[in-house]
Structures are given as C-alpha cells and as structure tokens.
Amino acid sequence: MAPHVLVTGGSGYLGSVLCEHLLDAGYHVTALDNLMFGQTSLLHLCTRKTFEFVLGDVRNESLMGELMRKTDICIPLAAIVGAPSCNRDPILAQSVNYDEATLLGRLKRPDQLVLYPTTNSGYGTRTSDMYCTEDTPLEPISLYERTKVDAERYLMGFPNVIVFRLATLFGVSPRMRLDLLVNHFVYAAFADGYIVIFEKDFKRNFVHVRDVADAMLFAVEHVRQMAGQCYNVGLDSANLSKGELAEKIKEHVPHFFIHFSDIGSDPDKRNYIVSNQRLREAGFEAQRTLDAGIVELLKAYRMMGPGVFRNA
C-alpha cells in the first residue's frame, strides 16, 4: 500500500501544487486546510480516490492527533506567511507558525517523516557578496522569519526530519498569490505598465513553485540519505537583485517602465545570495527558469484580467 501523506495548508499556493504532484506519484494524500481565504484550489483533485480533504485547524490537537495516527509522512505547509501578515496579528502568527511545530513534535512517531518548509529569508541582511550555505548563521529580521527559524530549530531535534529553506517562490498555482516578488513585478508590468522600486540592489534567490513540489517529492523518496539535514531550495541562476529582476521582466514586456527611486526605504531589508549546492549534491536541482516563469505568469494574468487577486 502506498504511503499516506498529510499536507497541512494543502489548499494554499504551494500545497495545491504539491498535492497534485504527490497523487500523480502514487501517494495517498490528505489535505488539511481551514480555507481562511475561501479558496477552492483543490476541486480538480476531488475525483481522485486516493485524495481526501479535511476542513480544520492545525492547532486542533485532537484533530491533528487523529490524522497523524494514519499518516506516514507529514508536510506542514500551514502558516501565516510574510512579514506584513504576521505583523497584523502576531499572536496568530506565533500560534500557527511555531505552536504547530511543537504540536507536531508531541504527536510525531519516530518512524514518521516530517518534511518542514521554512524560508531562506532567515539569512537576513547578510551582504550579497557572499553565498549563504546551510551552515551560515541565521539572522531572522521579522516576526515571520523568527517564528519559522524557531520552528526549524525545534523540529531538527527529532528523528526523520528534513528541513527545506525555500527561496522566494514564483509561478502559476491554482491558488495564486501576487505578494510574491516575481509574481508581483510581472503583474505590475501586465496591469500597470510601470513600477517604482526602492533599494534596487537588494538581492534574493527565487524558485518555481513546481520545482519546490518536485524537490519535496524527491526528499520523500530519498529519506535515508536526506533525513536530519537542512537544504536550501532555490534556482542557482536566479540570485537576482530587485533591479535585475525588473529588467529581466522588461525583456518580455518592452513597454514596462521601471523607476528606481533614491527616496524611500523598502521595509523588507533582506539582502543575500544563496548556494543550493547541498541539494544538488543530494541529487535534485531546480529546472524551471525565471524566463519560463515570466511567460507563464503573463499567460495567467491575461486569463485572470486586471484587478483579480490584487490584494492577495
């Protein structure tokens, strides 16, 4: 019988892609989500006999206990994501992002795999002149980053845990997000035709949402060699500054007007480049290029039209 995978936050931007990839690979999948945004991003999976959906909250210990007893693998994607969302409700952010991890620790059997996704934004304000590896000290800036780093450190104390430090995701998903940098910049090019960028030289690493789903599937299938480790998950060719990203998008949208402002300050001070060598040596490398992601996003935005998901 195929292993049973529990994906919390399964209706989210990454979860709705990951659930499909897991099902296609032959796994039984249960998605848990509270549908706080009213999303219906998993409707296309309801015909699958090996798919189940549970409406609920990851902080419900009795519910999580029941689900974990039937689970071989847990991928906890449920989170309050991003600094603005966490700052709006710090208590909610702490309870979902960190308390969920401590609940998993209490419920987890030693033989169960937990594949925990966190953020490489925990590297903070390190100079963009050096590559951050998994051994680089973490310097989280925001509440979001602190809760995720604390959860990572807690879960790494348990057996059969793999941590993925994710680059900034991009690409089309059944549950779209426009607050992610690439998705946002491409939408600005499509809908507005211009963008104003503060502190254009701040660098980040990027990765396609489907490459992340593929990386998670790879980890599930290579537990013995990967358990107990942290891995950066990003696209090596996409360590770019905000200015470089905007210029890359302009190659696809020639009328896109980019203004680099010397006045103003970006509230997000992250500035780093990331090495993904450890994951590559384990046998996985992201394949989907930034150019391909820009093209698919432009297709999606033509389908969605201006104004849709504007405040996502």
Foldseek 3Di string as FASTA:
>chain_A
DAFEEEEEVLQAQLNLLLVVVCVVVPYQYEYEYQCPVVAPQNVVVVVPPSYHYDHDDLLPLVVVLVVQVRHQEYEYPDAQDDQVSCVVPVVVRLCGLAVSLVSCVVRHDLRHAYEYEAAPCQCPQPAAVDADEQPRDGHHDGSRSVSNVNSVVVNLVGWRYEYEHEWQEFADGSHDACVGLLSVLLLCCQAPLEDEDEPQQAWTFYAYSNLVSVLVVVCVVVSVVGISYYFYAGAQVGGGTNNVSNVLLCVVRVSRYYHYDHDDDDPRNHHYHHDRVVSVVVPGHGDDDSNNRSVNSSVVCVVVDPPPNPVD
